Amino acid sequence: MRTMLLWTIAMIVLAGGAVSAWGDLCDACAEKVYDTAIGKCAVCGGQTPSTGMKICEACSKKLGQCEACRVKLKNAATRPATQATTKPATRNGK
């Protein structure tokens, strides 16, 4: 009976019952396994893909932080605070 239970759990994990990789995670958190129960974002209150995630994917991208531990991501896309409004170049200088 116990062997059957362990086999069933192993199959659920292999089939996607637990996910080992998410969108915006730091190197340390990318190696961990997370449940698939819906969590709550600490920033916006939206849903996270796991109770192990502190912030949602949108807030992670906006803040440049890991979804699980909120550490600053190395390759986070940074947006300028204000965008310059320049007129696109045209032919003949007009």
N, C-alpha and C. Protein backbone atom coordinates (compact mmCIF):
# COMPACT_ATOMS: atom_id res chain seq x y z
N MET A 1 0.83 -1.20 0.00
CA MET A 1 0.00 0.00 0.00
C MET A 1 0.87 1.25 0.00
N ARG A 2 1.89 1.27 0.86
CA ARG A 2 2.77 2.44 0.93
C ARG A 2 3.51 2.65 -0.38
N THR A 3 3.95 1.55 -1.01
CA THR A 3 4.63 1.65 -2.30
C THR A 3 3.71 2.27 -3.34
N MET A 4 2.46 1.89 -3.33
CA MET A 4 1.48 2.43 -4.28
C MET A 4 1.30 3.93 -4.06
N LEU A 5 1.23 4.36 -2.82
CA LEU A 5 1.09 5.77 -2.50
C LEU A 5 2.30 6.55 -2.98
N LEU A 6 3.49 6.06 -2.72
CA LEU A 6 4.71 6.74 -3.17
C LEU A 6 4.78 6.80 -4.69
N TRP A 7 4.38 5.73 -5.35
CA TRP A 7 4.35 5.70 -6.81
C TRP A 7 3.36 6.74 -7.33
N THR A 8 2.21 6.85 -6.73
CA THR A 8 1.20 7.82 -7.16
C THR A 8 1.71 9.25 -6.99
N ILE A 9 2.33 9.53 -5.86
CA ILE A 9 2.88 10.88 -5.62
C ILE A 9 3.96 11.19 -6.65
N ALA A 10 4.83 10.23 -6.92
CA ALA A 10 5.88 10.43 -7.91
C ALA A 10 5.30 10.74 -9.28
N MET A 11 4.25 10.08 -9.66
CA MET A 11 3.62 10.30 -10.96
C MET A 11 2.96 11.68 -11.03
N ILE A 12 2.36 12.11 -9.94
CA ILE A 12 1.75 13.44 -9.91
C ILE A 12 2.82 14.51 -10.08
N VAL A 13 3.93 14.36 -9.38
CA VAL A 13 5.02 15.32 -9.49
C VAL A 13 5.57 15.35 -10.91
N LEU A 14 5.80 14.20 -11.50
CA LEU A 14 6.31 14.13 -12.86
C LEU A 14 5.32 14.67 -13.88
N ALA A 15 4.04 14.55 -13.60
CA ALA A 15 3.01 15.02 -14.52
C ALA A 15 2.71 16.51 -14.39
N GLY A 16 3.33 17.18 -13.42
CA GLY A 16 3.11 18.61 -13.29
C GLY A 16 2.39 19.01 -12.04
N GLY A 17 2.22 18.13 -11.08
CA GLY A 17 1.59 18.48 -9.82
C GLY A 17 2.42 19.45 -9.02
N ALA A 18 3.70 19.46 -9.24
CA ALA A 18 4.62 20.43 -8.64
C ALA A 18 5.48 20.95 -9.76
N VAL A 19 5.77 22.22 -9.72
CA VAL A 19 6.52 22.85 -10.80
C VAL A 19 7.87 23.31 -10.27
N SER A 20 8.94 23.03 -11.00
CA SER A 20 10.27 23.39 -10.54
C SER A 20 10.82 24.63 -11.20
N ALA A 21 10.09 25.22 -12.12
CA ALA A 21 10.60 26.43 -12.77
C ALA A 21 9.43 27.38 -13.05
N TRP A 22 9.65 28.66 -12.84
CA TRP A 22 8.64 29.68 -13.08
C TRP A 22 9.26 30.79 -13.90
N GLY A 23 8.49 31.79 -14.21
CA GLY A 23 8.94 32.88 -15.06
C GLY A 23 10.08 33.70 -14.50
N ASP A 24 9.85 34.46 -13.47
CA ASP A 24 10.82 35.42 -12.97
C ASP A 24 11.32 35.02 -11.59
N LEU A 25 12.28 34.11 -11.57
CA LEU A 25 12.86 33.64 -10.32
C LEU A 25 14.37 33.86 -10.35
N CYS A 26 14.94 34.10 -9.17
CA CYS A 26 16.40 34.19 -9.07
C CYS A 26 16.98 32.79 -9.23
N ASP A 27 18.28 32.69 -9.38
CA ASP A 27 18.93 31.39 -9.58
C ASP A 27 18.65 30.43 -8.44
N ALA A 28 18.68 30.92 -7.20
CA ALA A 28 18.45 30.05 -6.04
C ALA A 28 17.02 29.52 -6.01
N CYS A 29 16.05 30.36 -6.28
CA CYS A 29 14.65 29.95 -6.22
C CYS A 29 14.25 29.11 -7.44
N ALA A 30 14.94 29.26 -8.55
CA ALA A 30 14.64 28.47 -9.75
C ALA A 30 14.94 26.99 -9.53
N GLU A 31 15.78 26.68 -8.56
CA GLU A 31 16.13 25.29 -8.26
C GLU A 31 15.13 24.61 -7.33
N LYS A 32 14.23 25.37 -6.74
CA LYS A 32 13.27 24.83 -5.76
C LYS A 32 12.02 24.30 -6.45
N VAL A 33 11.26 23.52 -5.73
CA VAL A 33 9.99 22.98 -6.22
C VAL A 33 8.87 23.67 -5.47
N TYR A 34 7.84 24.08 -6.20
CA TYR A 34 6.71 24.82 -5.62
C TYR A 34 5.41 24.08 -5.84
N ASP A 35 4.46 24.27 -4.92
CA ASP A 35 3.15 23.67 -5.12
C ASP A 35 2.37 24.47 -6.16
N THR A 36 1.25 23.96 -6.58
CA THR A 36 0.45 24.66 -7.58
C THR A 36 -0.83 25.25 -6.99
N ALA A 37 -0.87 25.38 -5.68
CA ALA A 37 -2.02 26.02 -5.04
C ALA A 37 -1.90 27.54 -5.25
N ILE A 38 -2.99 28.18 -5.57
CA ILE A 38 -3.00 29.61 -5.85
C ILE A 38 -2.65 30.39 -4.59
N GLY A 39 -1.71 31.34 -4.74
CA GLY A 39 -1.32 32.21 -3.64
C GLY A 39 -1.79 33.63 -3.89
N LYS A 40 -1.41 34.54 -2.99
CA LYS A 40 -1.83 35.94 -3.10
C LYS A 40 -0.60 36.84 -3.16
N CYS A 41 -0.58 37.76 -4.11
CA CYS A 41 0.53 38.71 -4.28
C CYS A 41 0.55 39.71 -3.13
N ALA A 42 1.72 39.89 -2.54
CA ALA A 42 1.88 40.82 -1.42
C ALA A 42 1.83 42.28 -1.87
N VAL A 43 1.98 42.52 -3.16
CA VAL A 43 2.00 43.90 -3.67
C VAL A 43 0.62 44.34 -4.13
N CYS A 44 0.04 43.61 -5.08
CA CYS A 44 -1.22 44.05 -5.69
C CYS A 44 -2.44 43.26 -5.22
N GLY A 45 -2.20 42.14 -4.51
CA GLY A 45 -3.31 41.32 -4.04
C GLY A 45 -3.82 40.34 -5.08
N GLY A 46 -3.19 40.32 -6.25
CA GLY A 46 -3.58 39.38 -7.30
C GLY A 46 -3.14 37.97 -6.98
N GLN A 47 -3.35 37.07 -7.91
CA GLN A 47 -3.02 35.67 -7.70
C GLN A 47 -1.59 35.36 -8.11
N THR A 48 -0.98 34.45 -7.37
CA THR A 48 0.33 33.92 -7.72
C THR A 48 0.13 32.45 -8.10
N PRO A 49 1.02 31.88 -8.90
CA PRO A 49 0.84 30.50 -9.33
C PRO A 49 1.13 29.46 -8.25
N SER A 50 1.59 29.91 -7.08
CA SER A 50 1.93 29.00 -5.98
C SER A 50 1.87 29.76 -4.66
N THR A 51 1.57 29.04 -3.59
CA THR A 51 1.61 29.67 -2.27
C THR A 51 3.05 29.98 -1.87
N GLY A 52 4.02 29.43 -2.59
CA GLY A 52 5.42 29.71 -2.34
C GLY A 52 5.91 31.00 -2.99
N MET A 53 5.07 31.63 -3.78
CA MET A 53 5.42 32.88 -4.45
C MET A 53 4.88 34.06 -3.64
N LYS A 54 5.72 35.04 -3.40
CA LYS A 54 5.31 36.21 -2.63
C LYS A 54 4.64 37.27 -3.49
N ILE A 55 5.06 37.37 -4.75
CA ILE A 55 4.47 38.36 -5.65
C ILE A 55 4.11 37.70 -6.98
N CYS A 56 3.18 38.31 -7.70
CA CYS A 56 2.73 37.77 -8.98
C CYS A 56 3.75 38.08 -10.07
N GLU A 57 3.56 37.48 -11.23
CA GLU A 57 4.49 37.66 -12.34
C GLU A 57 4.52 39.11 -12.80
N ALA A 58 3.36 39.76 -12.86
CA ALA A 58 3.31 41.16 -13.30
C ALA A 58 4.09 42.07 -12.36
N CYS A 59 3.92 41.91 -11.05
CA CYS A 59 4.65 42.72 -10.09
C CYS A 59 6.13 42.39 -10.11
N SER A 60 6.46 41.12 -10.34
CA SER A 60 7.85 40.70 -10.45
C SER A 60 8.53 41.43 -11.60
N LYS A 61 7.87 41.48 -12.74
CA LYS A 61 8.42 42.18 -13.90
C LYS A 61 8.53 43.68 -13.64
N LYS A 62 7.49 44.25 -13.08
CA LYS A 62 7.45 45.69 -12.82
C LYS A 62 8.54 46.12 -11.83
N LEU A 63 8.73 45.32 -10.77
CA LEU A 63 9.69 45.66 -9.72
C LEU A 63 11.08 45.09 -9.95
N GLY A 64 11.19 44.14 -10.90
CA GLY A 64 12.48 43.50 -11.17
C GLY A 64 12.92 42.61 -10.03
N GLN A 65 11.95 41.94 -9.38
CA GLN A 65 12.24 41.10 -8.22
C GLN A 65 11.82 39.66 -8.49
N CYS A 66 12.48 38.74 -7.78
CA CYS A 66 12.13 37.32 -7.83
C CYS A 66 10.71 37.14 -7.27
N GLU A 67 9.92 36.31 -7.92
CA GLU A 67 8.54 36.08 -7.47
C GLU A 67 8.50 35.41 -6.10
N ALA A 68 9.49 34.58 -5.78
CA ALA A 68 9.46 33.82 -4.54
C ALA A 68 10.10 34.56 -3.36
N CYS A 69 11.30 35.10 -3.54
CA CYS A 69 12.00 35.70 -2.39
C CYS A 69 12.14 37.22 -2.48
N ARG A 70 11.75 37.79 -3.61
CA ARG A 70 11.75 39.23 -3.86
C ARG A 70 13.14 39.86 -3.92
N VAL A 71 14.18 39.05 -4.11
CA VAL A 71 15.51 39.60 -4.30
C VAL A 71 15.56 40.27 -5.68
N LYS A 72 16.36 41.31 -5.82
CA LYS A 72 16.49 42.01 -7.10
C LYS A 72 17.08 41.06 -8.13
N LEU A 73 16.44 40.96 -9.29
CA LEU A 73 16.92 40.08 -10.35
C LEU A 73 18.07 40.73 -11.10
N LYS A 74 19.07 39.95 -11.44
CA LYS A 74 20.25 40.46 -12.14
C LYS A 74 19.90 41.02 -13.51
N ASN A 75 19.08 40.30 -14.25
CA ASN A 75 18.76 40.71 -15.61
C ASN A 75 17.39 41.35 -15.71
N ALA A 76 16.99 42.03 -14.66
CA ALA A 76 15.67 42.67 -14.66
C ALA A 76 15.63 43.79 -15.68
N ALA A 77 14.56 43.83 -16.42
CA ALA A 77 14.39 44.91 -17.39
C ALA A 77 14.08 46.20 -16.64
N THR A 78 14.83 47.22 -16.93
CA THR A 78 14.60 48.50 -16.26
C THR A 78 13.93 49.46 -17.23
N ARG A 79 12.96 50.17 -16.72
CA ARG A 79 12.25 51.15 -17.52
C ARG A 79 12.62 52.54 -17.03
N PRO A 80 12.80 53.46 -17.93
CA PRO A 80 13.07 54.83 -17.49
C PRO A 80 11.85 55.41 -16.79
N ALA A 81 12.08 56.28 -15.83
CA ALA A 81 10.98 56.88 -15.09
C ALA A 81 10.06 57.67 -16.01
N THR A 82 10.66 58.40 -16.92
CA THR A 82 9.87 59.12 -17.92
C THR A 82 10.48 58.86 -19.28
N GLN A 83 9.64 58.76 -20.27
CA GLN A 83 10.14 58.53 -21.62
C GLN A 83 10.19 59.86 -22.35
N ALA A 84 11.32 60.08 -23.02
CA ALA A 84 11.48 61.31 -23.79
C ALA A 84 10.56 61.26 -25.00
N THR A 85 9.96 62.37 -25.29
CA THR A 85 9.10 62.43 -26.47
C THR A 85 9.86 63.16 -27.55
N THR A 86 10.35 62.40 -28.48
CA THR A 86 11.11 63.00 -29.60
C THR A 86 10.37 62.73 -30.87
N LYS A 87 10.48 63.64 -31.79
CA LYS A 87 9.83 63.52 -33.07
C LYS A 87 10.69 62.58 -33.93
N PRO A 88 10.08 61.58 -34.56
CA PRO A 88 10.86 60.67 -35.38
C PRO A 88 11.45 61.40 -36.58
N ALA A 89 12.62 60.94 -37.00
CA ALA A 89 13.28 61.55 -38.15
C ALA A 89 12.47 61.29 -39.41
N THR A 90 12.44 62.27 -40.29
CA THR A 90 11.71 62.14 -41.55
C THR A 90 12.64 62.46 -42.69
N ARG A 91 12.23 62.13 -43.87
CA ARG A 91 13.04 62.46 -45.04
C ARG A 91 13.06 63.96 -45.28
N ASN A 92 14.12 64.42 -45.86
CA ASN A 92 14.29 65.83 -46.24
C ASN A 92 14.29 66.75 -45.03
N GLY A 93 14.50 66.21 -43.82
CA GLY A 93 14.62 67.06 -42.63
C GLY A 93 13.32 67.70 -42.20
N LYS A 94 12.21 67.28 -42.71
CA LYS A 94 10.92 67.90 -42.35
C LYS A 94 10.22 67.12 -41.28
